[in-house]
Amino acid sequence: MYRRNHPYFFQNLPSIQDLKYKELNKKRANAEFAAKRDYADYEKFGSIIFCNSSFNSQIESANYSKKMELYISGKGADLSEWDTPIKDYEKERSKCRDLNP
């Protein structure tokens, strides 16, 4: 019979922080996938909707990366390095235009 107080049992249980980090990582990966897909659709169809959606997904991905960094480094983390890419994505998003009006 397998006993619950066996040391092996406790070593394999992920912590809540591990699960939260994995959840953020999955959301970040999904946002990156959506950004690539929407940009490909923008190039194919030329609609401003796909361009905006692509950059919104890039911003979302950067925000998830920022949250992941917070989990790794703790409350004292310097997250200002993530502000630059987010601002850059926002600038690029403002340049979105319909390619085929």
PDB file of N, CA and C in Angstrom:
ATOM      1  N   MET A   1       0.844  -1.183   0.000  1.00  0.00           N
ATOM      2  CA  MET A   1       0.000   0.000   0.000  1.00  0.00           C
ATOM      3  C   MET A   1       0.894   1.253   0.000  1.00  0.00           C
ATOM      4  N   TYR A   2       0.509   2.215  -0.805  1.00  0.00           N
ATOM      5  CA  TYR A   2       1.275   3.460  -0.906  1.00  0.00           C
ATOM      6  C   TYR A   2       0.839   4.410   0.195  1.00  0.00           C
ATOM      7  N   ARG A   3       1.772   4.848   1.007  1.00  0.00           N
ATOM      8  CA  ARG A   3       1.443   5.721   2.133  1.00  0.00           C
ATOM      9  C   ARG A   3       1.560   7.182   1.720  1.00  0.00           C
ATOM     10  N   ARG A   4       0.657   8.001   2.214  1.00  0.00           N
ATOM     11  CA  ARG A   4       0.632   9.428   1.882  1.00  0.00           C
ATOM     12  C   ARG A   4       1.810  10.194   2.481  1.00  0.00           C
ATOM     13  N   ASN A   5       2.382   9.727   3.542  1.00  0.00           N
ATOM     14  CA  ASN A   5       3.476  10.471   4.152  1.00  0.00           C
ATOM     15  C   ASN A   5       4.828  10.056   3.595  1.00  0.00           C
ATOM     16  N   HIS A   6       4.837   9.319   2.539  1.00  0.00           N
ATOM     17  CA  HIS A   6       6.082   8.932   1.889  1.00  0.00           C
ATOM     18  C   HIS A   6       6.727  10.184   1.280  1.00  0.00           C
ATOM     19  N   PRO A   7       8.045  10.377   1.438  1.00  0.00           N
ATOM     20  CA  PRO A   7       8.704  11.597   0.932  1.00  0.00           C
ATOM     21  C   PRO A   7       8.526  11.799  -0.573  1.00  0.00           C
ATOM     22  N   TYR A   8       8.483  10.731  -1.327  1.00  0.00           N
ATOM     23  CA  TYR A   8       8.320  10.836  -2.781  1.00  0.00           C
ATOM     24  C   TYR A   8       6.987  11.497  -3.129  1.00  0.00           C
ATOM     25  N   PHE A   9       5.973  11.223  -2.372  1.00  0.00           N
ATOM     26  CA  PHE A   9       4.646  11.783  -2.615  1.00  0.00           C
ATOM     27  C   PHE A   9       4.671  13.303  -2.526  1.00  0.00           C
ATOM     28  N   PHE A  10       5.368  13.839  -1.551  1.00  0.00           N
ATOM     29  CA  PHE A  10       5.408  15.289  -1.358  1.00  0.00           C
ATOM     30  C   PHE A  10       6.317  15.981  -2.371  1.00  0.00           C
ATOM     31  N   GLN A  11       7.326  15.316  -2.867  1.00  0.00           N
ATOM     32  CA  GLN A  11       8.240  15.933  -3.818  1.00  0.00           C
ATOM     33  C   GLN A  11       7.592  16.150  -5.179  1.00  0.00           C
ATOM     34  N   ASN A  12       6.627  15.350  -5.546  1.00  0.00           N
ATOM     35  CA  ASN A  12       6.035  15.447  -6.868  1.00  0.00           C
ATOM     36  C   ASN A  12       4.820  16.373  -6.932  1.00  0.00           C
ATOM     37  N   LEU A  13       4.383  16.885  -5.819  1.00  0.00           N
ATOM     38  CA  LEU A  13       3.255  17.798  -5.833  1.00  0.00           C
ATOM     39  C   LEU A  13       3.728  19.199  -6.207  1.00  0.00           C
ATOM     40  N   PRO A  14       3.186  19.767  -7.298  1.00  0.00           N
ATOM     41  CA  PRO A  14       3.582  21.136  -7.643  1.00  0.00           C
ATOM     42  C   PRO A  14       2.957  22.135  -6.671  1.00  0.00           C
ATOM     43  N   SER A  15       3.665  23.206  -6.433  1.00  0.00           N
ATOM     44  CA  SER A  15       3.133  24.234  -5.549  1.00  0.00           C
ATOM     45  C   SER A  15       2.127  25.096  -6.314  1.00  0.00           C
ATOM     46  N   ILE A  16       1.377  25.879  -5.580  1.00  0.00           N
ATOM     47  CA  ILE A  16       0.422  26.793  -6.201  1.00  0.00           C
ATOM     48  C   ILE A  16       1.159  27.784  -7.099  1.00  0.00           C
ATOM     49  N   GLN A  17       2.337  28.232  -6.669  1.00  0.00           N
ATOM     50  CA  GLN A  17       3.126  29.172  -7.466  1.00  0.00           C
ATOM     51  C   GLN A  17       3.561  28.531  -8.786  1.00  0.00           C
ATOM     52  N   ASP A  18       3.957  27.235  -8.727  1.00  0.00           N
ATOM     53  CA  ASP A  18       4.341  26.542  -9.956  1.00  0.00           C
ATOM     54  C   ASP A  18       3.167  26.471 -10.926  1.00  0.00           C
ATOM     55  N   LEU A  19       2.005  26.157 -10.400  1.00  0.00           N
ATOM     56  CA  LEU A  19       0.821  26.061 -11.250  1.00  0.00           C
ATOM     57  C   LEU A  19       0.437  27.415 -11.835  1.00  0.00           C
ATOM     58  N   LYS A  20       0.538  28.470 -11.038  1.00  0.00           N
ATOM     59  CA  LYS A  20       0.221  29.815 -11.513  1.00  0.00           C
ATOM     60  C   LYS A  20       1.215  30.244 -12.592  1.00  0.00           C
ATOM     61  N   TYR A  21       2.494  29.937 -12.400  1.00  0.00           N
ATOM     62  CA  TYR A  21       3.521  30.281 -13.379  1.00  0.00           C
ATOM     63  C   TYR A  21       3.252  29.541 -14.696  1.00  0.00           C
ATOM     64  N   LYS A  22       2.916  28.263 -14.592  1.00  0.00           N
ATOM     65  CA  LYS A  22       2.618  27.488 -15.799  1.00  0.00           C
ATOM     66  C   LYS A  22       1.388  28.035 -16.515  1.00  0.00           C
ATOM     67  N   GLU A  23       0.399  28.473 -15.741  1.00  0.00           N
ATOM     68  CA  GLU A  23      -0.797  29.062 -16.325  1.00  0.00           C
ATOM     69  C   GLU A  23      -0.445  30.346 -17.081  1.00  0.00           C
ATOM     70  N   LEU A  24       0.381  31.198 -16.477  1.00  0.00           N
ATOM     71  CA  LEU A  24       0.801  32.435 -17.139  1.00  0.00           C
ATOM     72  C   LEU A  24       1.615  32.142 -18.394  1.00  0.00           C
ATOM     73  N   ASN A  25       2.472  31.126 -18.314  1.00  0.00           N
ATOM     74  CA  ASN A  25       3.298  30.759 -19.459  1.00  0.00           C
ATOM     75  C   ASN A  25       2.428  30.266 -20.613  1.00  0.00           C
ATOM     76  N   LYS A  26       1.409  29.491 -20.296  1.00  0.00           N
ATOM     77  CA  LYS A  26       0.487  29.000 -21.333  1.00  0.00           C
ATOM     78  C   LYS A  26      -0.280  30.161 -21.962  1.00  0.00           C
ATOM     79  N   LYS A  27      -0.739  31.097 -21.139  1.00  0.00           N
ATOM     80  CA  LYS A  27      -1.451  32.264 -21.663  1.00  0.00           C
ATOM     81  C   LYS A  27      -0.539  33.112 -22.532  1.00  0.00           C
ATOM     82  N   ARG A  28       0.736  33.256 -22.124  1.00  0.00           N
ATOM     83  CA  ARG A  28       1.701  34.019 -22.912  1.00  0.00           C
ATOM     84  C   ARG A  28       1.925  33.361 -24.266  1.00  0.00           C
ATOM     85  N   ALA A  29       2.094  32.041 -24.251  1.00  0.00           N
ATOM     86  CA  ALA A  29       2.308  31.306 -25.501  1.00  0.00           C
ATOM     87  C   ALA A  29       1.088  31.417 -26.417  1.00  0.00           C
ATOM     88  N   ASN A  30      -0.099  31.342 -25.849  1.00  0.00           N
ATOM     89  CA  ASN A  30      -1.314  31.478 -26.651  1.00  0.00           C
ATOM     90  C   ASN A  30      -1.426  32.880 -27.254  1.00  0.00           C
ATOM     91  N   ALA A  31      -1.046  33.887 -26.482  1.00  0.00           N
ATOM     92  CA  ALA A  31      -1.087  35.264 -26.987  1.00  0.00           C
ATOM     93  C   ALA A  31      -0.080  35.450 -28.124  1.00  0.00           C
ATOM     94  N   GLU A  32       1.101  34.862 -27.997  1.00  0.00           N
ATOM     95  CA  GLU A  32       2.099  34.957 -29.066  1.00  0.00           C
ATOM     96  C   GLU A  32       1.609  34.255 -30.331  1.00  0.00           C
ATOM     97  N   PHE A  33       0.985  33.083 -30.147  1.00  0.00           N
ATOM     98  CA  PHE A  33       0.434  32.358 -31.294  1.00  0.00           C
ATOM     99  C   PHE A  33      -0.651  33.194 -31.989  1.00  0.00           C
ATOM    100  N   ALA A  34      -1.532  33.795 -31.190  1.00  0.00           N
ATOM    101  CA  ALA A  34      -2.609  34.628 -31.750  1.00  0.00           C
ATOM    102  C   ALA A  34      -2.031  35.829 -32.490  1.00  0.00           C
ATOM    103  N   ALA A  35      -0.975  36.412 -31.959  1.00  0.00           N
ATOM    104  CA  ALA A  35      -0.349  37.568 -32.610  1.00  0.00           C
ATOM    105  C   ALA A  35       0.213  37.175 -33.977  1.00  0.00           C
ATOM    106  N   LYS A  36       0.893  36.042 -34.041  1.00  0.00           N
ATOM    107  CA  LYS A  36       1.458  35.586 -35.320  1.00  0.00           C
ATOM    108  C   LYS A  36       0.350  35.247 -36.317  1.00  0.00           C
ATOM    109  N   ARG A  37      -0.691  34.577 -35.840  1.00  0.00           N
ATOM    110  CA  ARG A  37      -1.805  34.205 -36.706  1.00  0.00           C
ATOM    111  C   ARG A  37      -2.507  35.453 -37.248  1.00  0.00           C
ATOM    112  N   ASP A  38      -2.768  36.415 -36.374  1.00  0.00           N
ATOM    113  CA  ASP A  38      -3.469  37.625 -36.803  1.00  0.00           C
ATOM    114  C   ASP A  38      -2.625  38.468 -37.748  1.00  0.00           C
ATOM    115  N   TYR A  39      -1.311  38.490 -37.535  1.00  0.00           N
ATOM    116  CA  TYR A  39      -0.462  39.251 -38.439  1.00  0.00           C
ATOM    117  C   TYR A  39      -0.417  38.592 -39.824  1.00  0.00           C
ATOM    118  N   ALA A  40      -0.397  37.262 -39.834  1.00  0.00           N
ATOM    119  CA  ALA A  40      -0.446  36.554 -41.120  1.00  0.00           C
ATOM    120  C   ALA A  40      -1.761  36.858 -41.838  1.00  0.00           C
ATOM    121  N   ASP A  41      -2.858  36.917 -41.086  1.00  0.00           N
ATOM    122  CA  ASP A  41      -4.149  37.269 -41.677  1.00  0.00           C
ATOM    123  C   ASP A  41      -4.146  38.717 -42.170  1.00  0.00           C
ATOM    124  N   TYR A  42      -3.469  39.594 -41.457  1.00  0.00           N
ATOM    125  CA  TYR A  42      -3.359  40.998 -41.880  1.00  0.00           C
ATOM    126  C   TYR A  42      -2.625  41.082 -43.216  1.00  0.00           C
ATOM    127  N   GLU A  43      -1.515  40.338 -43.323  1.00  0.00           N
ATOM    128  CA  GLU A  43      -0.772  40.342 -44.577  1.00  0.00           C
ATOM    129  C   GLU A  43      -1.591  39.739 -45.715  1.00  0.00           C
ATOM    130  N   LYS A  44      -2.418  38.760 -45.386  1.00  0.00           N
ATOM    131  CA  LYS A  44      -3.221  38.078 -46.405  1.00  0.00           C
ATOM    132  C   LYS A  44      -4.427  38.907 -46.840  1.00  0.00           C
ATOM    133  N   PHE A  45      -5.162  39.469 -45.869  1.00  0.00           N
ATOM    134  CA  PHE A  45      -6.406  40.162 -46.171  1.00  0.00           C
ATOM    135  C   PHE A  45      -6.288  41.687 -46.136  1.00  0.00           C
ATOM    136  N   GLY A  46      -5.295  42.208 -45.420  1.00  0.00           N
ATOM    137  CA  GLY A  46      -5.061  43.646 -45.378  1.00  0.00           C
ATOM    138  C   GLY A  46      -6.021  44.433 -44.511  1.00  0.00           C
ATOM    139  N   SER A  47      -6.732  43.781 -43.611  1.00  0.00           N
ATOM    140  CA  SER A  47      -7.709  44.474 -42.769  1.00  0.00           C
ATOM    141  C   SER A  47      -7.052  45.013 -41.502  1.00  0.00           C
ATOM    142  N   ILE A  48      -7.422  46.228 -41.151  1.00  0.00           N
ATOM    143  CA  ILE A  48      -6.896  46.879 -39.946  1.00  0.00           C
ATOM    144  C   ILE A  48      -7.270  46.093 -38.686  1.00  0.00           C
ATOM    145  N   ILE A  49      -8.366  45.365 -38.747  1.00  0.00           N
ATOM    146  CA  ILE A  49      -8.812  44.581 -37.584  1.00  0.00           C
ATOM    147  C   ILE A  49      -7.758  43.560 -37.194  1.00  0.00           C
ATOM    148  N   PHE A  50      -7.175  42.876 -38.186  1.00  0.00           N
ATOM    149  CA  PHE A  50      -6.150  41.880 -37.899  1.00  0.00           C
ATOM    150  C   PHE A  50      -4.865  42.515 -37.398  1.00  0.00           C
ATOM    151  N   CYS A  51      -4.534  43.676 -37.915  1.00  0.00           N
ATOM    152  CA  CYS A  51      -3.341  44.390 -37.464  1.00  0.00           C
ATOM    153  C   CYS A  51      -3.476  44.779 -35.994  1.00  0.00           C
ATOM    154  N   ASN A  52      -4.600  45.395 -35.664  1.00  0.00           N
ATOM    155  CA  ASN A  52      -4.837  45.789 -34.266  1.00  0.00           C
ATOM    156  C   ASN A  52      -4.856  44.580 -33.344  1.00  0.00           C
ATOM    157  N   SER A  53      -5.504  43.526 -33.775  1.00  0.00           N
ATOM    158  CA  SER A  53      -5.583  42.315 -32.969  1.00  0.00           C
ATOM    159  C   SER A  53      -4.200  41.718 -32.729  1.00  0.00           C
ATOM    160  N   SER A  54      -3.363  41.746 -33.761  1.00  0.00           N
ATOM    161  CA  SER A  54      -2.009  41.216 -33.632  1.00  0.00           C
ATOM    162  C   SER A  54      -1.212  41.987 -32.581  1.00  0.00           C
ATOM    163  N   PHE A  55      -1.264  43.305 -32.652  1.00  0.00           N
ATOM    164  CA  PHE A  55      -0.509  44.102 -31.682  1.00  0.00           C
ATOM    165  C   PHE A  55      -1.116  44.024 -30.283  1.00  0.00           C
ATOM    166  N   ASN A  56      -2.437  43.904 -30.192  1.00  0.00           N
ATOM    167  CA  ASN A  56      -3.055  43.704 -28.877  1.00  0.00           C
ATOM    168  C   ASN A  56      -2.579  42.396 -28.253  1.00  0.00           C
ATOM    169  N   SER A  57      -2.440  41.358 -29.066  1.00  0.00           N
ATOM    170  CA  SER A  57      -1.947  40.073 -28.561  1.00  0.00           C
ATOM    171  C   SER A  57      -0.480  40.169 -28.147  1.00  0.00           C
ATOM    172  N   GLN A  58       0.314  40.952 -28.888  1.00  0.00           N
ATOM    173  CA  GLN A  58       1.714  41.154 -28.509  1.00  0.00           C
ATOM    174  C   GLN A  58       1.803  41.870 -27.159  1.00  0.00           C
ATOM    175  N   ILE A  59       0.962  42.864 -26.963  1.00  0.00           N
ATOM    176  CA  ILE A  59       0.932  43.596 -25.689  1.00  0.00           C
ATOM    177  C   ILE A  59       0.507  42.660 -24.565  1.00  0.00           C
ATOM    178  N   GLU A  60      -0.503  41.836 -24.833  1.00  0.00           N
ATOM    179  CA  GLU A  60      -0.966  40.865 -23.840  1.00  0.00           C
ATOM    180  C   GLU A  60       0.147  39.885 -23.483  1.00  0.00           C
ATOM    181  N   SER A  61       0.880  39.415 -24.479  1.00  0.00           N
ATOM    182  CA  SER A  61       1.996  38.494 -24.243  1.00  0.00           C
ATOM    183  C   SER A  61       3.073  39.150 -23.378  1.00  0.00           C
ATOM    184  N   ALA A  62       3.388  40.400 -23.669  1.00  0.00           N
ATOM    185  CA  ALA A  62       4.390  41.119 -22.872  1.00  0.00           C
ATOM    186  C   ALA A  62       3.916  41.301 -21.433  1.00  0.00           C
ATOM    187  N   ASN A  63       2.626  41.559 -21.256  1.00  0.00           N
ATOM    188  CA  ASN A  63       2.093  41.693 -19.892  1.00  0.00           C
ATOM    189  C   ASN A  63       2.171  40.370 -19.125  1.00  0.00           C
ATOM    190  N   TYR A  64       1.912  39.261 -19.810  1.00  0.00           N
ATOM    191  CA  TYR A  64       2.060  37.957 -19.147  1.00  0.00           C
ATOM    192  C   TYR A  64       3.525  37.693 -18.789  1.00  0.00           C
ATOM    193  N   SER A  65       4.438  38.073 -19.686  1.00  0.00           N
ATOM    194  CA  SER A  65       5.869  37.915 -19.389  1.00  0.00           C
ATOM    195  C   SER A  65       6.258  38.747 -18.175  1.00  0.00           C
ATOM    196  N   LYS A  66       5.680  39.924 -18.078  1.00  0.00           N
ATOM    197  CA  LYS A  66       5.932  40.808 -16.940  1.00  0.00           C
ATOM    198  C   LYS A  66       5.463  40.146 -15.643  1.00  0.00           C
ATOM    199  N   LYS A  67       4.279  39.544 -15.673  1.00  0.00           N
ATOM    200  CA  LYS A  67       3.756  38.853 -14.489  1.00  0.00           C
ATOM    201  C   LYS A  67       4.611  37.644 -14.137  1.00  0.00           C
ATOM    202  N   MET A  68       5.112  36.942 -15.163  1.00  0.00           N
ATOM    203  CA  MET A  68       5.974  35.784 -14.909  1.00  0.00           C
ATOM    204  C   MET A  68       7.269  36.227 -14.237  1.00  0.00           C
ATOM    205  N   GLU A  69       7.818  37.345 -14.697  1.00  0.00           N
ATOM    206  CA  GLU A  69       9.039  37.897 -14.087  1.00  0.00           C
ATOM    207  C   GLU A  69       8.801  38.254 -12.629  1.00  0.00           C
ATOM    208  N   LEU A  70       7.611  38.753 -12.341  1.00  0.00           N
ATOM    209  CA  LEU A  70       7.252  39.086 -10.964  1.00  0.00           C
ATOM    210  C   LEU A  70       7.248  37.834 -10.096  1.00  0.00           C
ATOM    211  N   TYR A  71       6.738  36.726 -10.620  1.00  0.00           N
ATOM    212  CA  TYR A  71       6.748  35.471  -9.878  1.00  0.00           C
ATOM    213  C   TYR A  71       8.161  34.965  -9.630  1.00  0.00           C
ATOM    214  N   ILE A  72       9.028  35.126 -10.630  1.00  0.00           N
ATOM    215  CA  ILE A  72      10.401  34.633 -10.494  1.00  0.00           C
ATOM    216  C   ILE A  72      11.194  35.493  -9.516  1.00  0.00           C
ATOM    217  N   SER A  73      11.115  36.804  -9.680  1.00  0.00           N
ATOM    218  CA  SER A  73      11.973  37.714  -8.922  1.00  0.00           C
ATOM    219  C   SER A  73      11.364  38.225  -7.621  1.00  0.00           C
ATOM    220  N   GLY A  74      10.076  38.108  -7.471  1.00  0.00           N
ATOM    221  CA  GLY A  74       9.440  38.580  -6.250  1.00  0.00           C
ATOM    222  C   GLY A  74       9.008  40.031  -6.363  1.00  0.00           C
ATOM    223  N   LYS A  75       8.529  40.545  -5.244  1.00  0.00           N
ATOM    224  CA  LYS A  75       7.958  41.897  -5.241  1.00  0.00           C
ATOM    225  C   LYS A  75       8.983  42.988  -5.532  1.00  0.00           C
ATOM    226  N   GLY A  76      10.233  42.734  -5.297  1.00  0.00           N
ATOM    227  CA  GLY A  76      11.264  43.740  -5.523  1.00  0.00           C
ATOM    228  C   GLY A  76      11.782  43.763  -6.944  1.00  0.00           C
ATOM    229  N   ALA A  77      11.122  43.071  -7.855  1.00  0.00           N
ATOM    230  CA  ALA A  77      11.598  42.961  -9.233  1.00  0.00           C
ATOM    231  C   ALA A  77      11.487  44.297  -9.970  1.00  0.00           C
ATOM    232  N   ASP A  78      12.465  44.553 -10.828  1.00  0.00           N
ATOM    233  CA  ASP A  78      12.433  45.738 -11.684  1.00  0.00           C
ATOM    234  C   ASP A  78      11.747  45.338 -12.988  1.00  0.00           C
ATOM    235  N   LEU A  79      10.488  45.717 -13.120  1.00  0.00           N
ATOM    236  CA  LEU A  79       9.701  45.332 -14.284  1.00  0.00           C
ATOM    237  C   LEU A  79       9.667  46.416 -15.355  1.00  0.00           C
ATOM    238  N   SER A  80      10.468  47.450 -15.173  1.00  0.00           N
ATOM    239  CA  SER A  80      10.454  48.566 -16.118  1.00  0.00           C
ATOM    240  C   SER A  80      10.961  48.153 -17.504  1.00  0.00           C
ATOM    241  N   GLU A  81      11.747  47.083 -17.576  1.00  0.00           N
ATOM    242  CA  GLU A  81      12.256  46.633 -18.869  1.00  0.00           C
ATOM    243  C   GLU A  81      11.124  46.170 -19.790  1.00  0.00           C
ATOM    244  N   TRP A  82       9.988  45.809 -19.230  1.00  0.00           N
ATOM    245  CA  TRP A  82       8.846  45.373 -20.030  1.00  0.00           C
ATOM    246  C   TRP A  82       8.014  46.549 -20.531  1.00  0.00           C
ATOM    247  N   ASP A  83       8.233  47.727 -19.971  1.00  0.00           N
ATOM    248  CA  ASP A  83       7.454  48.889 -20.395  1.00  0.00           C
ATOM    249  C   ASP A  83       7.833  49.338 -21.802  1.00  0.00           C
ATOM    250  N   THR A  84       9.103  49.222 -22.151  1.00  0.00           N
ATOM    251  CA  THR A  84       9.566  49.661 -23.476  1.00  0.00           C
ATOM    252  C   THR A  84       8.927  48.848 -24.603  1.00  0.00           C
ATOM    253  N   PRO A  85       8.960  47.496 -24.536  1.00  0.00           N
ATOM    254  CA  PRO A  85       8.308  46.761 -25.634  1.00  0.00           C
ATOM    255  C   PRO A  85       6.803  47.033 -25.714  1.00  0.00           C
ATOM    256  N   ILE A  86       6.159  47.200 -24.580  1.00  0.00           N
ATOM    257  CA  ILE A  86       4.722  47.471 -24.585  1.00  0.00           C
ATOM    258  C   ILE A  86       4.443  48.810 -25.264  1.00  0.00           C
ATOM    259  N   LYS A  87       5.237  49.825 -24.941  1.00  0.00           N
ATOM    260  CA  LYS A  87       5.064  51.136 -25.585  1.00  0.00           C
ATOM    261  C   LYS A  87       5.355  51.060 -27.079  1.00  0.00           C
ATOM    262  N   ASP A  88       6.373  50.259 -27.447  1.00  0.00           N
ATOM    263  CA  ASP A  88       6.694  50.093 -28.868  1.00  0.00           C
ATOM    264  C   ASP A  88       5.543  49.428 -29.623  1.00  0.00           C
ATOM    265  N   TYR A  89       4.951  48.406 -29.021  1.00  0.00           N
ATOM    266  CA  TYR A  89       3.801  47.742 -29.656  1.00  0.00           C
ATOM    267  C   TYR A  89       2.632  48.707 -29.793  1.00  0.00           C
ATOM    268  N   GLU A  90       2.430  49.549 -28.782  1.00  0.00           N
ATOM    269  CA  GLU A  90       1.338  50.524 -28.856  1.00  0.00           C
ATOM    270  C   GLU A  90       1.579  51.537 -29.973  1.00  0.00           C
ATOM    271  N   LYS A  91       2.842  51.964 -30.163  1.00  0.00           N
ATOM    272  CA  LYS A  91       3.164  52.893 -31.251  1.00  0.00           C
ATOM    273  C   LYS A  91       2.912  52.242 -32.603  1.00  0.00           C
ATOM    274  N   GLU A  92       3.364  50.994 -32.743  1.00  0.00           N
ATOM    275  CA  GLU A  92       3.176  50.288 -34.005  1.00  0.00           C
ATOM    276  C   GLU A  92       1.692  50.040 -34.283  1.00  0.00           C
ATOM    277  N   ARG A  93       0.936  49.751 -33.229  1.00  0.00           N
ATOM    278  CA  ARG A  93      -0.502  49.523 -33.400  1.00  0.00           C
ATOM    279  C   ARG A  93      -1.183  50.782 -33.929  1.00  0.00           C
ATOM    280  N   SER A  94      -0.711  51.950 -33.504  1.00  0.00           N
ATOM    281  CA  SER A  94      -1.318  53.198 -33.974  1.00  0.00           C
ATOM    282  C   SER A  94      -1.060  53.429 -35.476  1.00  0.00           C
ATOM    283  N   LYS A  95      -0.094  52.743 -36.045  1.00  0.00           N
ATOM    284  CA  LYS A  95       0.221  52.881 -37.455  1.00  0.00           C
ATOM    285  C   LYS A  95      -0.553  51.923 -38.355  1.00  0.00           C
ATOM    286  N   CYS A  96      -1.377  51.079 -37.768  1.00  0.00           N
ATOM    287  CA  CYS A  96      -2.156  50.099 -38.542  1.00  0.00           C
ATOM    288  C   CYS A  96      -3.088  50.812 -39.518  1.00  0.00           C
ATOM    289  N   ARG A  97      -3.088  50.340 -40.735  1.00  0.00           N
ATOM    290  CA  ARG A  97      -3.959  50.874 -41.782  1.00  0.00           C
ATOM    291  C   ARG A  97      -4.487  49.712 -42.612  1.00  0.00           C
ATOM    292  N   ASP A  98      -5.629  49.938 -43.264  1.00  0.00           N
ATOM    293  CA  ASP A  98      -6.134  48.954 -44.215  1.00  0.00           C
ATOM    294  C   ASP A  98      -5.224  48.941 -45.433  1.00  0.00           C
ATOM    295  N   LEU A  99      -4.784  47.751 -45.832  1.00  0.00           N
ATOM    296  CA  LEU A  99      -3.929  47.657 -47.012  1.00  0.00           C
ATOM    297  C   LEU A  99      -4.746  47.709 -48.301  1.00  0.00           C
ATOM    298  N   ASN A 100      -5.974  47.226 -48.242  1.00  0.00           N
ATOM    299  CA  ASN A 100      -6.854  47.195 -49.411  1.00  0.00           C
ATOM    300  C   ASN A 100      -8.126  47.963 -49.109  1.00  0.00           C
ATOM    301  N   PRO A 101      -8.080  49.298 -49.175  1.00  0.00           N
ATOM    302  CA  PRO A 101      -9.283  50.071 -48.795  1.00  0.00           C
ATOM    303  C   PRO A 101     -10.432  49.891 -49.772  1.00  0.00           C
TER     304      PRO A 101
END
